Amino acid sequence: MTTARTAGPPAAAPVPTPAPAPDPDQAPTAASSGLRGRLSAWSASARSGMEGTPGRLTGLAVLTVLAALLFGLAAAYAFRSADGALTRAGANTDQLVRVQAIQTKLIQADADATNAFLVGGLEPAEQRDDYNAAVTSASKLIAEAARKQPADGPALSALNEALLNYTTEIEQARGNNRQALPVGAQYLKNASADLRADALPLLTNLVDANNQRVSDEFGNVDTAILWLVLSGLLAMLVLAFGLIWLARRTRRYVNVPMAVSAAEGVCTNQ
């Protein structure tokens, strides 16, 4: 006779233990360790590659190539910088010539006004034409100078205003002189005094400013040449070191490729 056993409640499933949260500081440390490991491996590989004469030859070849590249980049920069500086120096020289021409024209116009316009009665036609031509030329040169060199714009604007005031006073002097009024001489005197007090100092400052610009640009050319010479000397030193090292190791005192490279460096510097 089999005795029936009463079935109890089913056994509960085991509760899984939650995994611990990752340590935020551990991942970067592992990554850093991996990076350091790779760097160490690369460093060891590089050191092993540089061991022995073949490795040193490889290092020397890399060094000379880098020196040649550095010299090429420095030479390109120096030539480009020198070319730009010479171009700017030429433009500033042209501006200087224009400013000096304006100065000459204004002095010429004032001399015409003083010597002929108010001598008495109607001034000679030739003197009047010469005065008009000088004033017109000065006005055109002022506009051209302002267009060519914006840095001189404010001074040239003030100069143009001074020229307009001068010509206005001259016309007033001419009108009074035609009527035989003594005040015409005073207008002429005031016009000449204003020209020398307002216009000519502006022109002197413009001449000085453009002279300084030209001098600065030639200084930039000298700096570019200095960089070219220094980079060339550095390249020559590296090549000379390579030649001496090869001569001692191989007992060949003339290495044709290295000698040609050194000769090219010397010719370039000259």
C-alpha atoms as a PDB file:
ATOM      1  CA  MET A   1       0.000   0.000   0.000  1.00  0.00           C
ATOM      2  CA  THR A   2       1.487   3.310  -1.138  1.00  0.00           C
ATOM      3  CA  THR A   3       1.122   6.257   1.102  1.00  0.00           C
ATOM      4  CA  ALA A   4       0.311   9.480  -0.765  1.00  0.00           C
ATOM      5  CA  ARG A   5       2.385  12.460   0.185  1.00  0.00           C
ATOM      6  CA  THR A   6       0.921  15.866   0.085  1.00  0.00           C
ATOM      7  CA  ALA A   7       2.846  18.130  -2.346  1.00  0.00           C
ATOM      8  CA  GLY A   8       4.127  21.298  -0.690  1.00  0.00           C
ATOM      9  CA  PRO A   9       4.465  24.719  -2.308  1.00  0.00           C
ATOM     10  CA  PRO A  10       7.024  24.972  -5.129  1.00  0.00           C
ATOM     11  CA  ALA A  11      10.531  26.070  -4.181  1.00  0.00           C
ATOM     12  CA  ALA A  12      11.247  29.768  -4.847  1.00  0.00           C
ATOM     13  CA  ALA A  13      13.754  30.558  -7.597  1.00  0.00           C
ATOM     14  CA  PRO A  14      17.050  32.018  -6.361  1.00  0.00           C
ATOM     15  CA  VAL A  15      17.176  35.811  -6.508  1.00  0.00           C
ATOM     16  CA  PRO A  16      20.026  36.917  -8.811  1.00  0.00           C
ATOM     17  CA  THR A  17      22.658  39.059  -7.206  1.00  0.00           C
ATOM     18  CA  PRO A  18      22.920  42.450  -8.989  1.00  0.00           C
ATOM     19  CA  ALA A  19      26.227  43.144 -10.660  1.00  0.00           C
ATOM     20  CA  PRO A  20      28.241  45.903  -9.027  1.00  0.00           C
ATOM     21  CA  ALA A  21      28.129  49.288 -10.755  1.00  0.00           C
ATOM     22  CA  PRO A  22      31.233  50.059 -12.798  1.00  0.00           C
ATOM     23  CA  ASP A  23      33.725  52.259 -11.073  1.00  0.00           C
ATOM     24  CA  PRO A  24      33.822  55.553 -12.997  1.00  0.00           C
ATOM     25  CA  ASP A  25      37.489  55.948 -12.183  1.00  0.00           C
ATOM     26  CA  GLN A  26      38.428  52.448 -13.290  1.00  0.00           C
ATOM     27  CA  ALA A  27      37.592  52.786 -17.013  1.00  0.00           C
ATOM     28  CA  PRO A  28      39.832  55.816 -17.631  1.00  0.00           C
ATOM     29  CA  THR A  29      42.576  54.094 -15.686  1.00  0.00           C
ATOM     30  CA  ALA A  30      42.289  51.017 -17.879  1.00  0.00           C
ATOM     31  CA  ALA A  31      42.206  53.138 -21.009  1.00  0.00           C
ATOM     32  CA  SER A  32      45.220  55.079 -19.803  1.00  0.00           C
ATOM     33  CA  SER A  33      47.046  51.859 -19.061  1.00  0.00           C
ATOM     34  CA  GLY A  34      46.240  50.605 -22.561  1.00  0.00           C
ATOM     35  CA  LEU A  35      47.461  53.829 -24.129  1.00  0.00           C
ATOM     36  CA  ARG A  36      50.631  53.780 -22.087  1.00  0.00           C
ATOM     37  CA  GLY A  37      51.141  50.212 -23.135  1.00  0.00           C
ATOM     38  CA  ARG A  38      50.828  51.030 -26.794  1.00  0.00           C
ATOM     39  CA  LEU A  39      53.145  54.013 -26.404  1.00  0.00           C
ATOM     40  CA  SER A  40      55.672  51.879 -24.608  1.00  0.00           C
ATOM     41  CA  ALA A  41      55.462  49.286 -27.370  1.00  0.00           C
ATOM     42  CA  TRP A  42      55.948  51.904 -30.044  1.00  0.00           C
ATOM     43  CA  SER A  43      58.844  53.426 -28.117  1.00  0.00           C
ATOM     44  CA  ALA A  44      60.493  50.051 -27.732  1.00  0.00           C
ATOM     45  CA  SER A  45      59.976  49.330 -31.423  1.00  0.00           C
ATOM     46  CA  ALA A  46      61.492  52.695 -32.361  1.00  0.00           C
ATOM     47  CA  ARG A  47      64.492  52.100 -30.101  1.00  0.00           C
ATOM     48  CA  SER A  48      65.045  48.667 -31.527  1.00  0.00           C
ATOM     49  CA  GLY A  49      64.790  50.082 -35.039  1.00  0.00           C
ATOM     50  CA  MET A  50      67.460  52.665 -34.236  1.00  0.00           C
ATOM     51  CA  GLU A  51      69.918  50.140 -32.887  1.00  0.00           C
ATOM     52  CA  GLY A  52      72.981  49.328 -34.878  1.00  0.00           C
ATOM     53  CA  THR A  53      74.410  51.000 -37.948  1.00  0.00           C
ATOM     54  CA  PRO A  54      71.340  50.407 -40.178  1.00  0.00           C
ATOM     55  CA  GLY A  55      69.105  52.035 -37.582  1.00  0.00           C
ATOM     56  CA  ARG A  56      71.425  55.007 -37.220  1.00  0.00           C
ATOM     57  CA  LEU A  57      71.532  55.382 -40.992  1.00  0.00           C
ATOM     58  CA  THR A  58      67.758  55.468 -41.022  1.00  0.00           C
ATOM     59  CA  GLY A  59      67.726  58.104 -38.292  1.00  0.00           C
ATOM     60  CA  LEU A  60      70.315  60.163 -40.171  1.00  0.00           C
ATOM     61  CA  ALA A  61      68.266  59.941 -43.351  1.00  0.00           C
ATOM     62  CA  VAL A  62      65.151  61.105 -41.493  1.00  0.00           C
ATOM     63  CA  LEU A  63      67.089  63.971 -39.902  1.00  0.00           C
ATOM     64  CA  THR A  64      68.501  65.203 -43.216  1.00  0.00           C
ATOM     65  CA  VAL A  65      65.095  64.987 -44.901  1.00  0.00           C
ATOM     66  CA  LEU A  66      63.525  67.001 -42.086  1.00  0.00           C
ATOM     67  CA  ALA A  67      66.304  69.585 -42.323  1.00  0.00           C
ATOM     68  CA  ALA A  68      65.795  69.881 -46.086  1.00  0.00           C
ATOM     69  CA  LEU A  69      62.031  70.233 -45.649  1.00  0.00           C
ATOM     70  CA  LEU A  70      62.516  72.873 -42.973  1.00  0.00           C
ATOM     71  CA  PHE A  71      64.868  74.794 -45.229  1.00  0.00           C
ATOM     72  CA  GLY A  72      62.423  74.549 -48.123  1.00  0.00           C
ATOM     73  CA  LEU A  73      59.543  75.851 -46.013  1.00  0.00           C
ATOM     74  CA  ALA A  74      61.674  78.645 -44.569  1.00  0.00           C
ATOM     75  CA  ALA A  75      62.902  79.608 -48.022  1.00  0.00           C
ATOM     76  CA  ALA A  76      59.356  79.690 -49.401  1.00  0.00           C
ATOM     77  CA  TYR A  77      58.204  81.831 -46.485  1.00  0.00           C
ATOM     78  CA  ALA A  78      61.214  84.146 -46.790  1.00  0.00           C
ATOM     79  CA  PHE A  79      60.778  84.667 -50.534  1.00  0.00           C
ATOM     80  CA  ARG A  80      57.054  85.255 -50.177  1.00  0.00           C
ATOM     81  CA  SER A  81      57.556  87.664 -47.284  1.00  0.00           C
ATOM     82  CA  ALA A  82      60.318  89.541 -49.095  1.00  0.00           C
ATOM     83  CA  ASP A  83      58.239  89.783 -52.268  1.00  0.00           C
ATOM     84  CA  GLY A  84      55.266  91.176 -50.356  1.00  0.00           C
ATOM     85  CA  ALA A  85      57.459  93.648 -48.488  1.00  0.00           C
ATOM     86  CA  LEU A  86      59.078  94.861 -51.706  1.00  0.00           C
ATOM     87  CA  THR A  87      55.658  95.276 -53.325  1.00  0.00           C
ATOM     88  CA  ARG A  88      54.419  97.323 -50.379  1.00  0.00           C
ATOM     89  CA  ALA A  89      57.633  99.338 -50.339  1.00  0.00           C
ATOM     90  CA  GLY A  90      57.130 100.147 -54.023  1.00  0.00           C
ATOM     91  CA  ALA A  91      53.544 101.248 -53.386  1.00  0.00           C
ATOM     92  CA  ASN A  92      54.642 103.457 -50.493  1.00  0.00           C
ATOM     93  CA  THR A  93      57.414 104.922 -52.616  1.00  0.00           C
ATOM     94  CA  ASP A  94      54.871 105.791 -55.314  1.00  0.00           C
ATOM     95  CA  GLN A  95      52.724 107.420 -52.641  1.00  0.00           C
ATOM     96  CA  LEU A  96      55.714 109.397 -51.440  1.00  0.00           C
ATOM     97  CA  VAL A  97      56.315 110.656 -54.986  1.00  0.00           C
ATOM     98  CA  ARG A  98      52.647 111.705 -55.260  1.00  0.00           C
ATOM     99  CA  VAL A  99      52.769 113.594 -51.963  1.00  0.00           C
ATOM    100  CA  GLN A 100      55.942 115.399 -52.983  1.00  0.00           C
ATOM    101  CA  ALA A 101      54.338 116.272 -56.338  1.00  0.00           C
ATOM    102  CA  ILE A 102      51.333 117.736 -54.494  1.00  0.00           C
ATOM    103  CA  GLN A 103      53.680 119.831 -52.400  1.00  0.00           C
ATOM    104  CA  THR A 104      55.456 121.099 -55.509  1.00  0.00           C
ATOM    105  CA  LYS A 105      52.178 121.972 -57.253  1.00  0.00           C
ATOM    106  CA  LEU A 106      50.833 123.923 -54.282  1.00  0.00           C
ATOM    107  CA  ILE A 107      54.023 125.932 -53.913  1.00  0.00           C
ATOM    108  CA  GLN A 108      53.982 126.595 -57.668  1.00  0.00           C
ATOM    109  CA  ALA A 109      50.354 127.780 -57.551  1.00  0.00           C
ATOM    110  CA  ASP A 110      51.053 130.091 -54.620  1.00  0.00           C
ATOM    111  CA  ALA A 111      54.075 131.543 -56.403  1.00  0.00           C
ATOM    112  CA  ASP A 112      51.926 132.236 -59.486  1.00  0.00           C
ATOM    113  CA  ALA A 113      49.288 133.951 -57.372  1.00  0.00           C
ATOM    114  CA  THR A 114      51.835 136.065 -55.554  1.00  0.00           C
ATOM    115  CA  ASN A 115      53.879 137.086 -58.596  1.00  0.00           C
ATOM    116  CA  ALA A 116      51.191 137.669 -61.191  1.00  0.00           C
ATOM    117  CA  PHE A 117      47.593 137.633 -60.021  1.00  0.00           C
ATOM    118  CA  LEU A 118      47.705 140.708 -57.863  1.00  0.00           C
ATOM    119  CA  VAL A 119      50.365 142.781 -59.532  1.00  0.00           C
ATOM    120  CA  GLY A 120      47.618 145.122 -60.566  1.00  0.00           C
ATOM    121  CA  GLY A 121      44.663 144.925 -62.896  1.00  0.00           C
ATOM    122  CA  LEU A 122      44.083 141.743 -64.874  1.00  0.00           C
ATOM    123  CA  GLU A 123      46.827 139.160 -64.321  1.00  0.00           C
ATOM    124  CA  PRO A 124      48.675 137.702 -67.351  1.00  0.00           C
ATOM    125  CA  ALA A 125      46.817 134.845 -69.030  1.00  0.00           C
ATOM    126  CA  GLU A 126      49.855 132.553 -68.970  1.00  0.00           C
ATOM    127  CA  GLN A 127      50.265 132.970 -65.236  1.00  0.00           C
ATOM    128  CA  ARG A 128      46.580 132.396 -64.683  1.00  0.00           C
ATOM    129  CA  ASP A 129      46.679 129.199 -66.773  1.00  0.00           C
ATOM    130  CA  ASP A 130      49.741 127.976 -64.923  1.00  0.00           C
ATOM    131  CA  TYR A 131      48.010 128.593 -61.584  1.00  0.00           C
ATOM    132  CA  ASN A 132      44.881 126.729 -62.702  1.00  0.00           C
ATOM    133  CA  ALA A 133      46.934 123.804 -64.018  1.00  0.00           C
ATOM    134  CA  ALA A 134      48.891 123.536 -60.763  1.00  0.00           C
ATOM    135  CA  VAL A 135      45.736 123.608 -58.618  1.00  0.00           C
ATOM    136  CA  THR A 136      43.944 121.079 -60.848  1.00  0.00           C
ATOM    137  CA  SER A 137      46.945 118.745 -60.834  1.00  0.00           C
ATOM    138  CA  ALA A 138      47.264 118.980 -57.046  1.00  0.00           C
ATOM    139  CA  SER A 139      43.568 118.203 -56.611  1.00  0.00           C
ATOM    140  CA  LYS A 140      43.800 115.119 -58.860  1.00  0.00           C
ATOM    141  CA  LEU A 141      46.910 113.897 -57.083  1.00  0.00           C
ATOM    142  CA  ILE A 142      45.180 114.249 -53.711  1.00  0.00           C
ATOM    143  CA  ALA A 143      42.277 112.091 -54.917  1.00  0.00           C
ATOM    144  CA  GLU A 144      44.650 109.510 -56.404  1.00  0.00           C
ATOM    145  CA  ALA A 145      46.764 109.390 -53.250  1.00  0.00           C
ATOM    146  CA  ALA A 146      43.685 108.839 -51.087  1.00  0.00           C
ATOM    147  CA  ARG A 147      42.617 105.973 -53.345  1.00  0.00           C
ATOM    148  CA  LYS A 148      46.051 104.334 -53.431  1.00  0.00           C
ATOM    149  CA  GLN A 149      46.799 104.579 -49.709  1.00  0.00           C
ATOM    150  CA  PRO A 150      43.718 104.498 -47.444  1.00  0.00           C
ATOM    151  CA  ALA A 151      45.916 105.025 -44.375  1.00  0.00           C
ATOM    152  CA  ASP A 152      46.600 108.565 -45.616  1.00  0.00           C
ATOM    153  CA  GLY A 153      42.895 109.240 -46.137  1.00  0.00           C
ATOM    154  CA  PRO A 154      42.229 111.497 -43.105  1.00  0.00           C
ATOM    155  CA  ALA A 155      45.298 113.651 -43.727  1.00  0.00           C
ATOM    156  CA  LEU A 156      44.529 113.931 -47.436  1.00  0.00           C
ATOM    157  CA  SER A 157      40.926 114.884 -46.682  1.00  0.00           C
ATOM    158  CA  ALA A 158      42.166 117.698 -44.447  1.00  0.00           C
ATOM    159  CA  LEU A 159      44.635 118.691 -47.171  1.00  0.00           C
ATOM    160  CA  ASN A 160      41.873 118.845 -49.781  1.00  0.00           C
ATOM    161  CA  GLU A 161      39.829 121.080 -47.477  1.00  0.00           C
ATOM    162  CA  ALA A 162      42.833 123.360 -46.980  1.00  0.00           C
ATOM    163  CA  LEU A 163      43.264 123.558 -50.770  1.00  0.00           C
ATOM    164  CA  LEU A 164      39.612 124.516 -51.242  1.00  0.00           C
ATOM    165  CA  ASN A 165      39.945 127.260 -48.644  1.00  0.00           C
ATOM    166  CA  TYR A 166      43.098 128.512 -50.333  1.00  0.00           C
ATOM    167  CA  THR A 167      41.556 128.710 -53.792  1.00  0.00           C
ATOM    168  CA  THR A 168      38.476 130.451 -52.369  1.00  0.00           C
ATOM    169  CA  GLU A 169      40.630 133.147 -50.761  1.00  0.00           C
ATOM    170  CA  ILE A 170      42.632 133.529 -53.967  1.00  0.00           C
ATOM    171  CA  GLU A 171      39.443 134.117 -55.955  1.00  0.00           C
ATOM    172  CA  GLN A 172      38.359 136.709 -53.423  1.00  0.00           C
ATOM    173  CA  ALA A 173      41.753 138.370 -53.787  1.00  0.00           C
ATOM    174  CA  ARG A 174      41.468 138.394 -57.580  1.00  0.00           C
ATOM    175  CA  GLY A 175      37.965 139.857 -57.479  1.00  0.00           C
ATOM    176  CA  ASN A 176      39.000 142.691 -55.198  1.00  0.00           C
ATOM    177  CA  ASN A 177      42.174 143.304 -57.151  1.00  0.00           C
ATOM    178  CA  ARG A 178      40.230 143.731 -60.397  1.00  0.00           C
ATOM    179  CA  GLN A 179      38.246 146.442 -58.674  1.00  0.00           C
ATOM    180  CA  ALA A 180      41.485 148.051 -57.447  1.00  0.00           C
ATOM    181  CA  LEU A 181      40.491 147.426 -53.830  1.00  0.00           C
ATOM    182  CA  PRO A 182      43.440 147.227 -51.413  1.00  0.00           C
ATOM    183  CA  VAL A 183      41.717 144.450 -49.475  1.00  0.00           C
ATOM    184  CA  GLY A 184      42.658 142.093 -52.309  1.00  0.00           C
ATOM    185  CA  ALA A 185      46.280 142.113 -51.163  1.00  0.00           C
ATOM    186  CA  GLN A 186      45.166 141.115 -47.693  1.00  0.00           C
ATOM    187  CA  TYR A 187      43.178 138.189 -49.068  1.00  0.00           C
ATOM    188  CA  LEU A 188      46.264 137.045 -50.933  1.00  0.00           C
ATOM    189  CA  LYS A 189      48.387 137.382 -47.820  1.00  0.00           C
ATOM    190  CA  ASN A 190      45.874 135.390 -45.773  1.00  0.00           C
ATOM    191  CA  ALA A 191      45.607 132.707 -48.440  1.00  0.00           C
ATOM    192  CA  SER A 192      49.384 132.210 -48.556  1.00  0.00           C
ATOM    193  CA  ALA A 193      49.649 132.200 -44.767  1.00  0.00           C
ATOM    194  CA  ASP A 194      46.856 129.611 -44.452  1.00  0.00           C
ATOM    195  CA  LEU A 195      48.458 127.430 -47.107  1.00  0.00           C
ATOM    196  CA  ARG A 196      51.750 127.364 -45.212  1.00  0.00           C
ATOM    197  CA  ALA A 197      50.088 126.914 -41.834  1.00  0.00           C
ATOM    198  CA  ASP A 198      47.569 124.207 -42.812  1.00  0.00           C
ATOM    199  CA  ALA A 199      48.475 122.447 -46.047  1.00  0.00           C
ATOM    200  CA  LEU A 200      52.267 122.290 -45.968  1.00  0.00           C
ATOM    201  CA  PRO A 201      52.529 120.760 -42.462  1.00  0.00           C
ATOM    202  CA  LEU A 202      50.084 118.044 -43.545  1.00  0.00           C
ATOM    203  CA  LEU A 203      52.257 117.314 -46.551  1.00  0.00           C
ATOM    204  CA  THR A 204      55.365 117.179 -44.366  1.00  0.00           C
ATOM    205  CA  ASN A 205      53.672 114.630 -42.084  1.00  0.00           C
ATOM    206  CA  LEU A 206      52.595 112.550 -45.079  1.00  0.00           C
ATOM    207  CA  VAL A 207      56.137 112.548 -46.433  1.00  0.00           C
ATOM    208  CA  ASP A 208      57.496 111.410 -43.062  1.00  0.00           C
ATOM    209  CA  ALA A 209      54.810 108.710 -42.706  1.00  0.00           C
ATOM    210  CA  ASN A 210      55.467 107.223 -46.135  1.00  0.00           C
ATOM    211  CA  ASN A 211      59.223 107.392 -45.641  1.00  0.00           C
ATOM    212  CA  GLN A 212      58.748 105.412 -42.434  1.00  0.00           C
ATOM    213  CA  ARG A 213      56.577 102.855 -44.221  1.00  0.00           C
ATOM    214  CA  VAL A 214      59.224 102.362 -46.888  1.00  0.00           C
ATOM    215  CA  SER A 215      61.898 101.951 -44.215  1.00  0.00           C
ATOM    216  CA  ASP A 216      59.759  99.430 -42.307  1.00  0.00           C
ATOM    217  CA  GLU A 217      59.142  97.346 -45.422  1.00  0.00           C
ATOM    218  CA  PHE A 218      62.839  97.199 -46.237  1.00  0.00           C
ATOM    219  CA  GLY A 219      63.354  96.097 -42.634  1.00  0.00           C
ATOM    220  CA  ASN A 220      60.873  93.284 -43.280  1.00  0.00           C
ATOM    221  CA  VAL A 221      62.914  92.280 -46.324  1.00  0.00           C
ATOM    222  CA  ASP A 222      66.042  92.109 -44.169  1.00  0.00           C
ATOM    223  CA  THR A 223      64.197  89.949 -41.629  1.00  0.00           C
ATOM    224  CA  ALA A 224      63.038  87.558 -44.355  1.00  0.00           C
ATOM    225  CA  ILE A 225      66.596  87.248 -45.663  1.00  0.00           C
ATOM    226  CA  LEU A 226      67.828  86.578 -42.125  1.00  0.00           C
ATOM    227  CA  TRP A 227      65.356  83.691 -41.732  1.00  0.00           C
ATOM    228  CA  LEU A 228      66.509  82.303 -45.071  1.00  0.00           C
ATOM    229  CA  VAL A 229      70.166  82.461 -44.045  1.00  0.00           C
ATOM    230  CA  LEU A 230      69.546  80.898 -40.626  1.00  0.00           C
ATOM    231  CA  SER A 231      67.517  78.029 -42.042  1.00  0.00           C
ATOM    232  CA  GLY A 232      70.153  77.479 -44.715  1.00  0.00           C
ATOM    233  CA  LEU A 233      72.922  77.382 -42.128  1.00  0.00           C
ATOM    234  CA  LEU A 234      70.941  74.889 -40.051  1.00  0.00           C
ATOM    235  CA  ALA A 235      70.408  72.660 -43.068  1.00  0.00           C
ATOM    236  CA  MET A 236      74.106  72.883 -43.942  1.00  0.00           C
ATOM    237  CA  LEU A 237      75.095  71.917 -40.391  1.00  0.00           C
ATOM    238  CA  VAL A 238      72.826  68.880 -40.496  1.00  0.00           C
ATOM    239  CA  LEU A 239      74.191  67.839 -43.883  1.00  0.00           C
ATOM    240  CA  ALA A 240      77.773  68.397 -42.709  1.00  0.00           C
ATOM    241  CA  PHE A 241      77.089  66.248 -39.651  1.00  0.00           C
ATOM    242  CA  GLY A 242      75.682  63.548 -41.916  1.00  0.00           C
ATOM    243  CA  LEU A 243      78.703  63.685 -44.207  1.00  0.00           C
ATOM    244  CA  ILE A 244      81.160  63.449 -41.330  1.00  0.00           C
ATOM    245  CA  TRP A 245      79.260  60.591 -39.705  1.00  0.00           C
ATOM    246  CA  LEU A 246      79.091  58.653 -42.956  1.00  0.00           C
ATOM    247  CA  ALA A 247      82.757  59.284 -43.675  1.00  0.00           C
ATOM    248  CA  ARG A 248      83.766  57.862 -40.306  1.00  0.00           C
ATOM    249  CA  ARG A 249      81.527  54.829 -40.611  1.00  0.00           C
ATOM    250  CA  THR A 250      82.040  53.950 -44.254  1.00  0.00           C
ATOM    251  CA  ARG A 251      85.506  55.444 -44.812  1.00  0.00           C
ATOM    252  CA  ARG A 252      84.099  57.120 -47.927  1.00  0.00           C
ATOM    253  CA  TYR A 253      85.008  60.756 -47.656  1.00  0.00           C
ATOM    254  CA  VAL A 254      82.931  61.893 -50.612  1.00  0.00           C
ATOM    255  CA  ASN A 255      79.286  60.788 -50.614  1.00  0.00           C
ATOM    256  CA  VAL A 256      77.931  62.037 -53.903  1.00  0.00           C
ATOM    257  CA  PRO A 257      74.242  62.510 -52.943  1.00  0.00           C
ATOM    258  CA  MET A 258      75.092  64.238 -49.669  1.00  0.00           C
ATOM    259  CA  ALA A 259      77.749  66.401 -51.331  1.00  0.00           C
ATOM    260  CA  VAL A 260      75.292  67.495 -54.021  1.00  0.00           C
ATOM    261  CA  SER A 261      72.725  68.385 -51.337  1.00  0.00           C
ATOM    262  CA  ALA A 262      75.279  70.436 -49.424  1.00  0.00           C
ATOM    263  CA  ALA A 263      76.387  72.235 -52.605  1.00  0.00           C
ATOM    264  CA  GLU A 264      72.786  73.079 -53.410  1.00  0.00           C
ATOM    265  CA  GLY A 265      72.375  74.550 -49.940  1.00  0.00           C
ATOM    266  CA  VAL A 266      75.470  76.719 -50.392  1.00  0.00           C
ATOM    267  CA  CYS A 267      74.359  77.938 -53.829  1.00  0.00           C
ATOM    268  CA  THR A 268      70.892  78.753 -52.528  1.00  0.00           C
ATOM    269  CA  ASN A 269      72.271  80.844 -49.663  1.00  0.00           C
ATOM    270  CA  GLN A 270      74.508  82.751 -52.043  1.00  0.00           C
END
